[in-house]
């Protein structure tokens, strides 16, 4: 999903991404946090990055060809 404007980088919502939905989060500069319109997830940048890293664990072998099942 492309970035919808200039400014701070948009992150994927970790809660939606765990359910295979690619939803961009919005940034609220007054509260200094990111939020999702679909699932009402909110969190600061550190929290969002940590949870997105956990989601990447799920797809770590996606591009790796597995030929043996020992």
N, C-alpha and C. Protein backbone atom coordinates (compact mmCIF):
# COMPACT_ATOMS: atom_id res chain seq x y z
N UNK A 1 0.86 -1.16 0.00
CA UNK A 1 0.00 0.00 0.00
C UNK A 1 0.91 1.23 0.00
N UNK A 2 0.62 2.17 -0.82
CA UNK A 2 1.49 3.32 -0.93
C UNK A 2 1.21 4.35 0.16
N UNK A 3 2.21 5.18 0.37
CA UNK A 3 2.08 6.26 1.36
C UNK A 3 1.11 7.30 0.82
N UNK A 4 0.20 7.75 1.65
CA UNK A 4 -0.87 8.64 1.19
C UNK A 4 -0.57 10.12 1.44
N UNK A 5 0.63 10.54 1.23
CA UNK A 5 0.95 11.94 1.41
C UNK A 5 2.34 12.12 1.97
N UNK A 6 2.77 13.34 2.02
CA UNK A 6 4.09 13.63 2.55
C UNK A 6 4.00 13.87 4.04
N UNK A 7 5.08 13.66 4.73
CA UNK A 7 5.07 13.82 6.17
C UNK A 7 5.64 12.57 6.81
N UNK A 8 5.18 12.26 8.00
CA UNK A 8 5.67 11.08 8.71
C UNK A 8 5.30 9.81 7.95
N UNK A 9 6.16 8.82 8.07
CA UNK A 9 5.96 7.55 7.39
C UNK A 9 4.74 6.83 7.97
N UNK A 10 3.93 6.28 7.11
CA UNK A 10 2.78 5.50 7.57
C UNK A 10 3.23 4.07 7.85
N UNK A 11 2.77 3.52 8.94
CA UNK A 11 3.07 2.15 9.31
C UNK A 11 1.83 1.29 9.13
N UNK A 12 2.05 -0.03 8.97
CA UNK A 12 0.93 -0.96 8.94
C UNK A 12 0.41 -1.18 10.34
N UNK A 13 -0.87 -1.35 10.46
CA UNK A 13 -1.48 -1.66 11.75
C UNK A 13 -1.09 -3.10 12.12
N UNK A 14 -0.41 -3.31 13.25
CA UNK A 14 0.00 -4.66 13.61
C UNK A 14 -1.17 -5.61 13.87
N UNK A 15 -2.23 -5.10 14.45
CA UNK A 15 -3.39 -5.93 14.74
C UNK A 15 -4.06 -6.41 13.45
N UNK A 16 -4.23 -5.53 12.50
CA UNK A 16 -4.84 -5.90 11.21
C UNK A 16 -3.88 -6.77 10.40
N UNK A 17 -2.59 -6.47 10.47
CA UNK A 17 -1.60 -7.21 9.69
C UNK A 17 -1.52 -8.67 10.15
N UNK A 18 -1.73 -8.93 11.43
CA UNK A 18 -1.75 -10.31 11.92
C UNK A 18 -2.94 -11.09 11.35
N UNK A 19 -3.96 -10.38 10.91
CA UNK A 19 -5.12 -11.02 10.29
C UNK A 19 -5.06 -10.90 8.77
N UNK A 20 -3.85 -10.66 8.23
CA UNK A 20 -3.60 -10.58 6.78
C UNK A 20 -4.33 -9.43 6.10
N UNK A 21 -4.50 -8.32 6.82
CA UNK A 21 -5.06 -7.11 6.23
C UNK A 21 -3.97 -6.05 6.21
N UNK A 22 -3.80 -5.40 5.09
CA UNK A 22 -2.75 -4.40 4.93
C UNK A 22 -3.38 -3.01 5.09
N UNK A 23 -3.46 -2.52 6.31
CA UNK A 23 -4.11 -1.25 6.62
C UNK A 23 -3.07 -0.27 7.15
N UNK A 24 -3.01 0.91 6.55
CA UNK A 24 -2.11 1.96 7.02
C UNK A 24 -2.67 2.60 8.28
N UNK A 25 -1.76 2.98 9.16
CA UNK A 25 -2.15 3.70 10.37
C UNK A 25 -2.01 5.20 10.13
N UNK A 26 -2.73 5.98 10.89
CA UNK A 26 -2.66 7.43 10.80
C UNK A 26 -1.94 7.95 12.04
N UNK A 27 -1.31 9.10 11.90
CA UNK A 27 -0.54 9.68 12.99
C UNK A 27 -1.28 10.88 13.58
N UNK A 28 -1.42 10.90 14.90
CA UNK A 28 -2.03 12.02 15.61
C UNK A 28 -0.90 12.79 16.31
N UNK A 29 -0.55 13.95 15.78
CA UNK A 29 0.59 14.68 16.35
C UNK A 29 0.28 15.31 17.70
N UNK A 30 -0.99 15.53 18.00
CA UNK A 30 -1.34 16.07 19.33
C UNK A 30 -1.06 15.05 20.44
N UNK A 31 -1.36 13.80 20.18
CA UNK A 31 -1.14 12.74 21.17
C UNK A 31 0.19 12.00 20.95
N UNK A 32 0.86 12.27 19.83
CA UNK A 32 2.12 11.62 19.47
C UNK A 32 1.94 10.10 19.43
N UNK A 33 0.89 9.65 18.73
CA UNK A 33 0.64 8.22 18.60
C UNK A 33 0.01 7.91 17.25
N UNK A 34 0.10 6.64 16.88
CA UNK A 34 -0.51 6.15 15.65
C UNK A 34 -1.81 5.45 16.00
N UNK A 35 -2.76 5.48 15.07
CA UNK A 35 -4.05 4.82 15.31
C UNK A 35 -4.57 4.23 14.00
N UNK A 36 -5.41 3.20 14.15
CA UNK A 36 -6.02 2.51 13.02
C UNK A 36 -7.51 2.80 13.00
N UNK A 37 -8.02 3.15 11.85
CA UNK A 37 -9.45 3.43 11.73
C UNK A 37 -10.29 2.16 11.70
N UNK A 38 -9.70 1.05 11.31
CA UNK A 38 -10.47 -0.17 11.16
C UNK A 38 -10.67 -0.90 12.49
N UNK A 39 -9.61 -1.00 13.31
CA UNK A 39 -9.73 -1.83 14.51
C UNK A 39 -9.52 -1.04 15.81
N UNK A 40 -9.32 0.24 15.74
CA UNK A 40 -9.14 1.12 16.91
C UNK A 40 -7.87 0.82 17.69
N UNK A 41 -6.85 0.25 17.04
CA UNK A 41 -5.56 0.05 17.69
C UNK A 41 -4.85 1.39 17.79
N UNK A 42 -4.23 1.69 18.93
CA UNK A 42 -3.42 2.89 19.08
C UNK A 42 -2.10 2.50 19.73
N UNK A 43 -1.05 3.25 19.42
CA UNK A 43 0.24 3.00 20.03
C UNK A 43 1.27 3.99 19.56
N UNK A 44 2.32 4.14 20.36
CA UNK A 44 3.40 5.03 19.95
C UNK A 44 4.27 4.33 18.90
N UNK A 45 5.22 5.04 18.35
CA UNK A 45 6.03 4.52 17.25
C UNK A 45 6.81 3.27 17.66
N UNK A 46 7.35 3.28 18.86
CA UNK A 46 8.13 2.14 19.34
C UNK A 46 7.26 0.89 19.44
N UNK A 47 6.07 1.04 19.99
CA UNK A 47 5.14 -0.08 20.14
C UNK A 47 4.74 -0.65 18.77
N UNK A 48 4.44 0.23 17.83
CA UNK A 48 4.04 -0.20 16.49
C UNK A 48 5.18 -0.95 15.81
N UNK A 49 6.40 -0.44 15.91
CA UNK A 49 7.54 -1.10 15.27
C UNK A 49 7.81 -2.47 15.89
N UNK A 50 7.70 -2.58 17.21
CA UNK A 50 7.91 -3.88 17.87
C UNK A 50 6.88 -4.91 17.43
N UNK A 51 5.64 -4.50 17.35
CA UNK A 51 4.59 -5.45 16.96
C UNK A 51 4.64 -5.78 15.47
N UNK A 52 5.09 -4.85 14.64
CA UNK A 52 5.26 -5.16 13.22
C UNK A 52 6.42 -6.14 13.03
N UNK A 53 7.45 -6.05 13.86
CA UNK A 53 8.56 -7.00 13.80
C UNK A 53 8.08 -8.40 14.18
N UNK A 54 7.17 -8.50 15.14
CA UNK A 54 6.60 -9.80 15.50
C UNK A 54 5.81 -10.38 14.33
N UNK A 55 5.13 -9.52 13.58
CA UNK A 55 4.36 -10.00 12.43
C UNK A 55 5.29 -10.49 11.32
N UNK A 56 6.46 -9.90 11.20
CA UNK A 56 7.42 -10.35 10.18
C UNK A 56 7.92 -11.76 10.47
N UNK A 57 7.92 -12.16 11.74
CA UNK A 57 8.31 -13.50 12.11
C UNK A 57 7.45 -14.54 11.39
N UNK A 58 6.22 -14.20 11.19
CA UNK A 58 5.27 -15.10 10.54
C UNK A 58 5.66 -15.41 9.09
N UNK A 59 6.28 -14.46 8.41
CA UNK A 59 6.59 -14.59 6.99
C UNK A 59 8.09 -14.77 6.73
N UNK A 60 8.86 -15.19 7.73
CA UNK A 60 10.31 -15.24 7.59
C UNK A 60 10.79 -16.19 6.51
N UNK A 61 10.07 -17.28 6.23
CA UNK A 61 10.49 -18.26 5.23
C UNK A 61 9.66 -18.20 3.96
N UNK A 62 8.96 -17.12 3.74
CA UNK A 62 8.06 -17.05 2.60
C UNK A 62 8.81 -17.15 1.28
N UNK A 63 9.99 -16.57 1.16
CA UNK A 63 10.73 -16.59 -0.09
C UNK A 63 11.76 -17.71 -0.15
N UNK A 64 11.81 -18.52 0.88
CA UNK A 64 12.78 -19.61 0.94
C UNK A 64 12.13 -20.88 0.39
N UNK A 65 12.84 -21.55 -0.52
CA UNK A 65 12.32 -22.80 -1.10
C UNK A 65 12.67 -23.96 -0.19
N UNK A 66 11.67 -24.66 0.28
CA UNK A 66 11.88 -25.80 1.17
C UNK A 66 11.74 -27.07 0.33
N UNK A 67 12.82 -27.87 0.30
CA UNK A 67 12.81 -29.08 -0.53
C UNK A 67 12.83 -30.36 0.29
N UNK A 68 13.26 -30.30 1.53
CA UNK A 68 13.28 -31.49 2.38
C UNK A 68 12.52 -31.23 3.67
N UNK A 69 11.89 -32.25 4.14
CA UNK A 69 11.11 -32.14 5.38
C UNK A 69 11.65 -33.14 6.40
N UNK A 70 12.88 -32.93 6.85
CA UNK A 70 13.52 -33.85 7.81
C UNK A 70 13.18 -33.49 9.22
